């Protein structure tokens, strides 16, 4: 990439920091939206207020990455919904056919399915969980209790908001806070060192 495009900004836009456009979702930070039928919508939101940033070059870079991925995985695997820069903020909206495409395209961990499917895929529920009631944290719950359900689940390793088509029942306790009945914010503790890898976050809903 040329110096006109900040490497840090490209990382922000291309590593899965996403939100929805035209899908009744307005995001104020990077968001992953897991849809009812399995599709994934995401948005990258980043400051873009320097004179040496090039909107056209960044857009071309994204388009080339999408085209390369489509050639191998099919034209519906990933699509650019929209890209814009307004008032010094860049917003990139993407649509993915399934969680596998999101995971492969962005080189991150993302799983979407049911709790039994997650267990069969080898995910270990060996973490502390928080119960969620009416969109609020309601105390701890045993991981075994969560693992015995047949609810839907999202598992990921990103610092994003996660929105689902349903009502959240449980979430892993570390790094998470409830924003709404259908949305969890994933954060990194302030004391965490830069570059610290985020542990897997589990979000269970029905």
C-alpha atoms as a PDB file:
ATOM      1  CA  UNK A   1       0.000   0.000   0.000  1.00  0.00           C
ATOM      2  CA  UNK A   2       1.140   3.524  -0.676  1.00  0.00           C
ATOM      3  CA  UNK A   3       1.780   5.902   2.187  1.00  0.00           C
ATOM      4  CA  UNK A   4      -1.420   7.729   1.266  1.00  0.00           C
ATOM      5  CA  UNK A   5      -3.337   5.008   3.108  1.00  0.00           C
ATOM      6  CA  UNK A   6      -2.572   4.598   6.767  1.00  0.00           C
ATOM      7  CA  UNK A   7      -1.672   1.012   7.614  1.00  0.00           C
ATOM      8  CA  UNK A   8      -3.465   1.336  10.911  1.00  0.00           C
ATOM      9  CA  UNK A   9      -6.641   2.496   9.220  1.00  0.00           C
ATOM     10  CA  UNK A  10      -6.543  -0.349   6.736  1.00  0.00           C
ATOM     11  CA  UNK A  11      -6.224  -2.741   9.667  1.00  0.00           C
ATOM     12  CA  UNK A  12      -9.255  -1.165  11.278  1.00  0.00           C
ATOM     13  CA  UNK A  13     -11.291  -1.457   8.137  1.00  0.00           C
ATOM     14  CA  UNK A  14     -10.242  -4.908   7.050  1.00  0.00           C
ATOM     15  CA  UNK A  15      -9.974  -7.083  10.161  1.00  0.00           C
ATOM     16  CA  UNK A  16     -13.635  -7.604  10.799  1.00  0.00           C
ATOM     17  CA  UNK A  17     -14.677  -4.393  12.476  1.00  0.00           C
ATOM     18  CA  UNK A  18     -18.112  -4.138  10.939  1.00  0.00           C
ATOM     19  CA  UNK A  19     -21.819  -3.061  11.062  1.00  0.00           C
ATOM     20  CA  UNK A  20     -24.972  -3.207   8.975  1.00  0.00           C
ATOM     21  CA  UNK A  21     -26.318  -0.840   6.346  1.00  0.00           C
ATOM     22  CA  UNK A  22     -29.923  -0.917   5.191  1.00  0.00           C
ATOM     23  CA  UNK A  23     -30.696  -3.618   7.742  1.00  0.00           C
ATOM     24  CA  UNK A  24     -32.203  -1.532  10.555  1.00  0.00           C
ATOM     25  CA  UNK A  25     -28.854  -1.250  12.266  1.00  0.00           C
ATOM     26  CA  UNK A  26     -27.058   1.950  13.131  1.00  0.00           C
ATOM     27  CA  UNK A  27     -23.661   1.368  14.726  1.00  0.00           C
ATOM     28  CA  UNK A  28     -21.602   3.820  16.737  1.00  0.00           C
ATOM     29  CA  UNK A  29     -18.605   1.482  16.812  1.00  0.00           C
ATOM     30  CA  UNK A  30     -17.338  -1.556  14.926  1.00  0.00           C
ATOM     31  CA  UNK A  31     -20.091  -4.174  14.868  1.00  0.00           C
ATOM     32  CA  UNK A  32     -20.802  -7.711  13.729  1.00  0.00           C
ATOM     33  CA  UNK A  33     -24.457  -8.487  13.021  1.00  0.00           C
ATOM     34  CA  UNK A  34     -25.394 -12.190  12.888  1.00  0.00           C
ATOM     35  CA  UNK A  35     -28.625 -12.552  10.958  1.00  0.00           C
ATOM     36  CA  UNK A  36     -31.389 -15.102  11.487  1.00  0.00           C
ATOM     37  CA  UNK A  37     -30.723 -16.972   8.241  1.00  0.00           C
ATOM     38  CA  UNK A  38     -26.979 -17.191   8.803  1.00  0.00           C
ATOM     39  CA  UNK A  39     -25.744 -14.178   6.889  1.00  0.00           C
ATOM     40  CA  UNK A  40     -23.282 -11.799   8.466  1.00  0.00           C
ATOM     41  CA  UNK A  41     -23.283  -8.039   8.088  1.00  0.00           C
ATOM     42  CA  UNK A  42     -20.471  -5.942   9.419  1.00  0.00           C
ATOM     43  CA  UNK A  43     -19.147  -2.393   9.418  1.00  0.00           C
ATOM     44  CA  UNK A  44     -15.754  -0.866   9.931  1.00  0.00           C
ATOM     45  CA  UNK A  45     -15.863   2.635  11.355  1.00  0.00           C
ATOM     46  CA  UNK A  46     -12.643   4.624  11.622  1.00  0.00           C
ATOM     47  CA  UNK A  47     -11.355   8.185  11.703  1.00  0.00           C
ATOM     48  CA  UNK A  48     -10.353   9.343   8.240  1.00  0.00           C
ATOM     49  CA  UNK A  49      -9.462  12.979   8.779  1.00  0.00           C
ATOM     50  CA  UNK A  50      -5.909  13.290   7.486  1.00  0.00           C
ATOM     51  CA  UNK A  51      -5.040  14.999   4.218  1.00  0.00           C
ATOM     52  CA  UNK A  52      -2.739  12.176   3.183  1.00  0.00           C
ATOM     53  CA  UNK A  53      -5.511   9.565   3.315  1.00  0.00           C
ATOM     54  CA  UNK A  54      -6.965   8.704  -0.106  1.00  0.00           C
ATOM     55  CA  UNK A  55     -10.606   7.616  -0.204  1.00  0.00           C
ATOM     56  CA  UNK A  56     -10.302   6.338  -3.787  1.00  0.00           C
ATOM     57  CA  UNK A  57      -7.196   4.278  -3.058  1.00  0.00           C
ATOM     58  CA  UNK A  58      -8.700   2.728   0.052  1.00  0.00           C
ATOM     59  CA  UNK A  59     -11.872   1.851  -1.846  1.00  0.00           C
ATOM     60  CA  UNK A  60      -9.819   0.269  -4.644  1.00  0.00           C
ATOM     61  CA  UNK A  61      -7.850  -1.750  -2.115  1.00  0.00           C
ATOM     62  CA  UNK A  62     -11.042  -3.136  -0.563  1.00  0.00           C
ATOM     63  CA  UNK A  63     -12.565  -3.894  -3.969  1.00  0.00           C
ATOM     64  CA  UNK A  64      -9.467  -5.833  -5.030  1.00  0.00           C
ATOM     65  CA  UNK A  65      -9.544  -7.931  -1.865  1.00  0.00           C
ATOM     66  CA  UNK A  66     -13.236  -8.693  -2.361  1.00  0.00           C
ATOM     67  CA  UNK A  67     -12.733  -9.625  -6.006  1.00  0.00           C
ATOM     68  CA  UNK A  68      -9.868 -11.963  -5.159  1.00  0.00           C
ATOM     69  CA  UNK A  69     -11.965 -13.698  -2.513  1.00  0.00           C
ATOM     70  CA  UNK A  70     -14.995 -13.988  -4.808  1.00  0.00           C
ATOM     71  CA  UNK A  71     -12.936 -15.660  -7.515  1.00  0.00           C
ATOM     72  CA  UNK A  72     -12.143 -18.485  -5.120  1.00  0.00           C
ATOM     73  CA  UNK A  73     -15.345 -18.678  -3.060  1.00  0.00           C
ATOM     74  CA  UNK A  74     -18.117 -17.376  -5.325  1.00  0.00           C
ATOM     75  CA  UNK A  75     -19.641 -13.980  -6.021  1.00  0.00           C
ATOM     76  CA  UNK A  76     -22.097 -14.199  -3.118  1.00  0.00           C
ATOM     77  CA  UNK A  77     -19.465 -15.049  -0.513  1.00  0.00           C
ATOM     78  CA  UNK A  78     -18.666 -11.421   0.313  1.00  0.00           C
ATOM     79  CA  UNK A  79     -19.920  -8.120  -1.039  1.00  0.00           C
ATOM     80  CA  UNK A  80     -19.315  -4.448  -0.399  1.00  0.00           C
ATOM     81  CA  UNK A  81     -22.609  -2.929   0.661  1.00  0.00           C
ATOM     82  CA  UNK A  82     -21.279   0.616   0.737  1.00  0.00           C
ATOM     83  CA  UNK A  83     -18.222   2.699   1.494  1.00  0.00           C
ATOM     84  CA  UNK A  84     -18.265   6.372   2.405  1.00  0.00           C
ATOM     85  CA  UNK A  85     -16.248   9.072   4.088  1.00  0.00           C
ATOM     86  CA  UNK A  86     -18.246  11.807   5.789  1.00  0.00           C
ATOM     87  CA  UNK A  87     -17.088  14.424   8.272  1.00  0.00           C
ATOM     88  CA  UNK A  88     -13.743  12.710   8.741  1.00  0.00           C
ATOM     89  CA  UNK A  89     -15.177   9.249   9.428  1.00  0.00           C
ATOM     90  CA  UNK A  90     -14.821   6.281   7.064  1.00  0.00           C
ATOM     91  CA  UNK A  91     -17.577   3.662   7.069  1.00  0.00           C
ATOM     92  CA  UNK A  92     -17.242   0.365   5.237  1.00  0.00           C
ATOM     93  CA  UNK A  93     -20.310  -1.882   5.116  1.00  0.00           C
ATOM     94  CA  UNK A  94     -19.899  -5.535   4.130  1.00  0.00           C
ATOM     95  CA  UNK A  95     -22.170  -8.538   3.629  1.00  0.00           C
ATOM     96  CA  UNK A  96     -21.047 -12.150   4.020  1.00  0.00           C
ATOM     97  CA  UNK A  97     -22.897 -15.268   2.914  1.00  0.00           C
ATOM     98  CA  UNK A  98     -22.036 -17.071   6.137  1.00  0.00           C
ATOM     99  CA  UNK A  99     -19.803 -16.966   9.183  1.00  0.00           C
ATOM    100  CA  UNK A 100     -17.172 -19.068   7.407  1.00  0.00           C
ATOM    101  CA  UNK A 101     -16.726 -16.356   4.789  1.00  0.00           C
ATOM    102  CA  UNK A 102     -16.449 -13.658   7.429  1.00  0.00           C
ATOM    103  CA  UNK A 103     -13.888 -15.732   9.296  1.00  0.00           C
ATOM    104  CA  UNK A 104     -11.818 -16.601   6.219  1.00  0.00           C
ATOM    105  CA  UNK A 105     -11.943 -13.171   4.619  1.00  0.00           C
ATOM    106  CA  UNK A 106     -10.905 -11.346   7.776  1.00  0.00           C
ATOM    107  CA  UNK A 107      -8.617 -14.046   9.205  1.00  0.00           C
ATOM    108  CA  UNK A 108     -10.318 -14.026  12.598  1.00  0.00           C
ATOM    109  CA  UNK A 109     -12.269 -16.528  14.679  1.00  0.00           C
ATOM    110  CA  UNK A 110     -16.040 -16.437  14.238  1.00  0.00           C
ATOM    111  CA  UNK A 111     -18.534 -19.247  14.778  1.00  0.00           C
ATOM    112  CA  UNK A 112     -22.307 -19.037  14.476  1.00  0.00           C
ATOM    113  CA  UNK A 113     -24.657 -21.930  15.134  1.00  0.00           C
ATOM    114  CA  UNK A 114     -26.188 -23.766  18.087  1.00  0.00           C
ATOM    115  CA  UNK A 115     -24.551 -24.706  21.360  1.00  0.00           C
ATOM    116  CA  UNK A 116     -24.529 -28.438  20.416  1.00  0.00           C
ATOM    117  CA  UNK A 117     -22.912 -27.556  17.086  1.00  0.00           C
ATOM    118  CA  UNK A 118     -20.280 -25.479  18.846  1.00  0.00           C
ATOM    119  CA  UNK A 119     -19.455 -28.363  21.180  1.00  0.00           C
ATOM    120  CA  UNK A 120     -19.238 -30.735  18.222  1.00  0.00           C
ATOM    121  CA  UNK A 121     -16.864 -28.285  16.527  1.00  0.00           C
ATOM    122  CA  UNK A 122     -14.526 -28.531  19.496  1.00  0.00           C
ATOM    123  CA  UNK A 123     -15.231 -25.298  21.346  1.00  0.00           C
ATOM    124  CA  UNK A 124     -14.738 -25.737  25.082  1.00  0.00           C
ATOM    125  CA  UNK A 125     -17.051 -23.813  27.369  1.00  0.00           C
ATOM    126  CA  UNK A 126     -14.303 -23.503  29.982  1.00  0.00           C
ATOM    127  CA  UNK A 127     -14.884 -19.898  30.949  1.00  0.00           C
ATOM    128  CA  UNK A 128     -16.998 -17.929  33.394  1.00  0.00           C
ATOM    129  CA  UNK A 129     -20.470 -16.985  32.173  1.00  0.00           C
ATOM    130  CA  UNK A 130     -22.918 -14.223  33.045  1.00  0.00           C
ATOM    131  CA  UNK A 131     -26.667 -14.634  32.793  1.00  0.00           C
ATOM    132  CA  UNK A 132     -28.535 -11.880  30.951  1.00  0.00           C
ATOM    133  CA  UNK A 133     -32.109 -10.948  31.825  1.00  0.00           C
ATOM    134  CA  UNK A 134     -34.105  -8.147  30.198  1.00  0.00           C
ATOM    135  CA  UNK A 135     -30.978  -6.756  28.589  1.00  0.00           C
ATOM    136  CA  UNK A 136     -28.994  -6.591  31.836  1.00  0.00           C
ATOM    137  CA  UNK A 137     -26.320  -8.696  33.473  1.00  0.00           C
ATOM    138  CA  UNK A 138     -27.962 -10.827  36.185  1.00  0.00           C
ATOM    139  CA  UNK A 139     -25.158 -12.673  37.932  1.00  0.00           C
ATOM    140  CA  UNK A 140     -22.924 -15.625  37.210  1.00  0.00           C
ATOM    141  CA  UNK A 141     -24.028 -19.008  35.882  1.00  0.00           C
ATOM    142  CA  UNK A 142     -22.228 -22.348  35.649  1.00  0.00           C
ATOM    143  CA  UNK A 143     -20.660 -23.065  32.273  1.00  0.00           C
ATOM    144  CA  UNK A 144     -22.187 -26.558  32.401  1.00  0.00           C
ATOM    145  CA  UNK A 145     -25.645 -24.988  32.499  1.00  0.00           C
ATOM    146  CA  UNK A 146     -24.892 -23.010  29.358  1.00  0.00           C
ATOM    147  CA  UNK A 147     -23.407 -26.025  27.585  1.00  0.00           C
ATOM    148  CA  UNK A 148     -26.545 -28.081  28.244  1.00  0.00           C
ATOM    149  CA  UNK A 149     -28.805 -25.705  26.294  1.00  0.00           C
ATOM    150  CA  UNK A 150     -29.732 -25.924  22.641  1.00  0.00           C
ATOM    151  CA  UNK A 151     -29.714 -22.136  22.184  1.00  0.00           C
ATOM    152  CA  UNK A 152     -27.938 -20.307  19.389  1.00  0.00           C
ATOM    153  CA  UNK A 153     -24.414 -19.052  19.947  1.00  0.00           C
ATOM    154  CA  UNK A 154     -21.817 -16.683  18.510  1.00  0.00           C
ATOM    155  CA  UNK A 155     -18.156 -17.259  19.320  1.00  0.00           C
ATOM    156  CA  UNK A 156     -15.552 -14.727  18.269  1.00  0.00           C
ATOM    157  CA  UNK A 157     -12.259 -13.063  19.126  1.00  0.00           C
ATOM    158  CA  UNK A 158     -12.804  -9.439  18.140  1.00  0.00           C
ATOM    159  CA  UNK A 159     -13.208  -6.139  19.958  1.00  0.00           C
ATOM    160  CA  UNK A 160     -16.602  -5.265  18.456  1.00  0.00           C
ATOM    161  CA  UNK A 161     -20.266  -4.925  19.240  1.00  0.00           C
ATOM    162  CA  UNK A 162     -22.175  -8.137  18.467  1.00  0.00           C
ATOM    163  CA  UNK A 163     -25.817  -7.879  17.425  1.00  0.00           C
ATOM    164  CA  UNK A 164     -28.031 -10.956  16.968  1.00  0.00           C
ATOM    165  CA  UNK A 165     -31.536 -11.677  15.731  1.00  0.00           C
ATOM    166  CA  UNK A 166     -32.799 -12.831  19.104  1.00  0.00           C
ATOM    167  CA  UNK A 167     -32.616 -12.234  22.839  1.00  0.00           C
ATOM    168  CA  UNK A 168     -29.299 -12.786  24.610  1.00  0.00           C
ATOM    169  CA  UNK A 169     -29.414 -15.293  27.484  1.00  0.00           C
ATOM    170  CA  UNK A 170     -25.765 -15.724  28.494  1.00  0.00           C
ATOM    171  CA  UNK A 171     -22.366 -14.274  27.681  1.00  0.00           C
ATOM    172  CA  UNK A 172     -18.862 -15.128  28.747  1.00  0.00           C
ATOM    173  CA  UNK A 173     -17.957 -12.774  31.578  1.00  0.00           C
ATOM    174  CA  UNK A 174     -14.541 -11.551  30.446  1.00  0.00           C
ATOM    175  CA  UNK A 175     -14.380  -8.528  28.115  1.00  0.00           C
ATOM    176  CA  UNK A 176     -18.181  -8.208  27.745  1.00  0.00           C
ATOM    177  CA  UNK A 177     -20.977  -5.832  28.695  1.00  0.00           C
ATOM    178  CA  UNK A 178     -24.635  -5.734  27.682  1.00  0.00           C
ATOM    179  CA  UNK A 179     -25.735  -2.860  25.425  1.00  0.00           C
ATOM    180  CA  UNK A 180     -29.251  -4.112  24.650  1.00  0.00           C
ATOM    181  CA  UNK A 181     -31.320  -7.294  24.706  1.00  0.00           C
ATOM    182  CA  UNK A 182     -29.785  -8.230  21.356  1.00  0.00           C
ATOM    183  CA  UNK A 183     -26.355  -6.589  21.584  1.00  0.00           C
ATOM    184  CA  UNK A 184     -23.163  -7.249  23.529  1.00  0.00           C
ATOM    185  CA  UNK A 185     -20.120  -4.986  23.533  1.00  0.00           C
ATOM    186  CA  UNK A 186     -16.746  -6.705  23.539  1.00  0.00           C
ATOM    187  CA  UNK A 187     -13.995  -4.596  25.084  1.00  0.00           C
ATOM    188  CA  UNK A 188     -10.419  -5.016  26.227  1.00  0.00           C
ATOM    189  CA  UNK A 189      -9.537  -4.035  29.813  1.00  0.00           C
ATOM    190  CA  UNK A 190      -7.738  -0.718  30.098  1.00  0.00           C
ATOM    191  CA  UNK A 191      -4.859  -2.430  31.867  1.00  0.00           C
ATOM    192  CA  UNK A 192      -4.335  -4.834  28.961  1.00  0.00           C
ATOM    193  CA  UNK A 193      -1.160  -4.268  27.037  1.00  0.00           C
ATOM    194  CA  UNK A 194      -1.287  -3.229  23.403  1.00  0.00           C
ATOM    195  CA  UNK A 195      -1.395  -6.244  21.147  1.00  0.00           C
ATOM    196  CA  UNK A 196      -2.776  -8.580  23.795  1.00  0.00           C
ATOM    197  CA  UNK A 197      -4.756 -11.328  22.109  1.00  0.00           C
ATOM    198  CA  UNK A 198      -8.429 -11.405  23.014  1.00  0.00           C
ATOM    199  CA  UNK A 199      -9.718 -14.693  24.393  1.00  0.00           C
ATOM    200  CA  UNK A 200     -12.755 -16.261  22.754  1.00  0.00           C
ATOM    201  CA  UNK A 201     -16.022 -14.596  23.687  1.00  0.00           C
ATOM    202  CA  UNK A 202     -19.227 -16.654  23.867  1.00  0.00           C
ATOM    203  CA  UNK A 203     -22.646 -15.056  23.317  1.00  0.00           C
ATOM    204  CA  UNK A 204     -25.681 -17.322  23.743  1.00  0.00           C
ATOM    205  CA  UNK A 205     -29.171 -16.305  22.633  1.00  0.00           C
ATOM    206  CA  UNK A 206     -32.575 -17.599  21.582  1.00  0.00           C
END
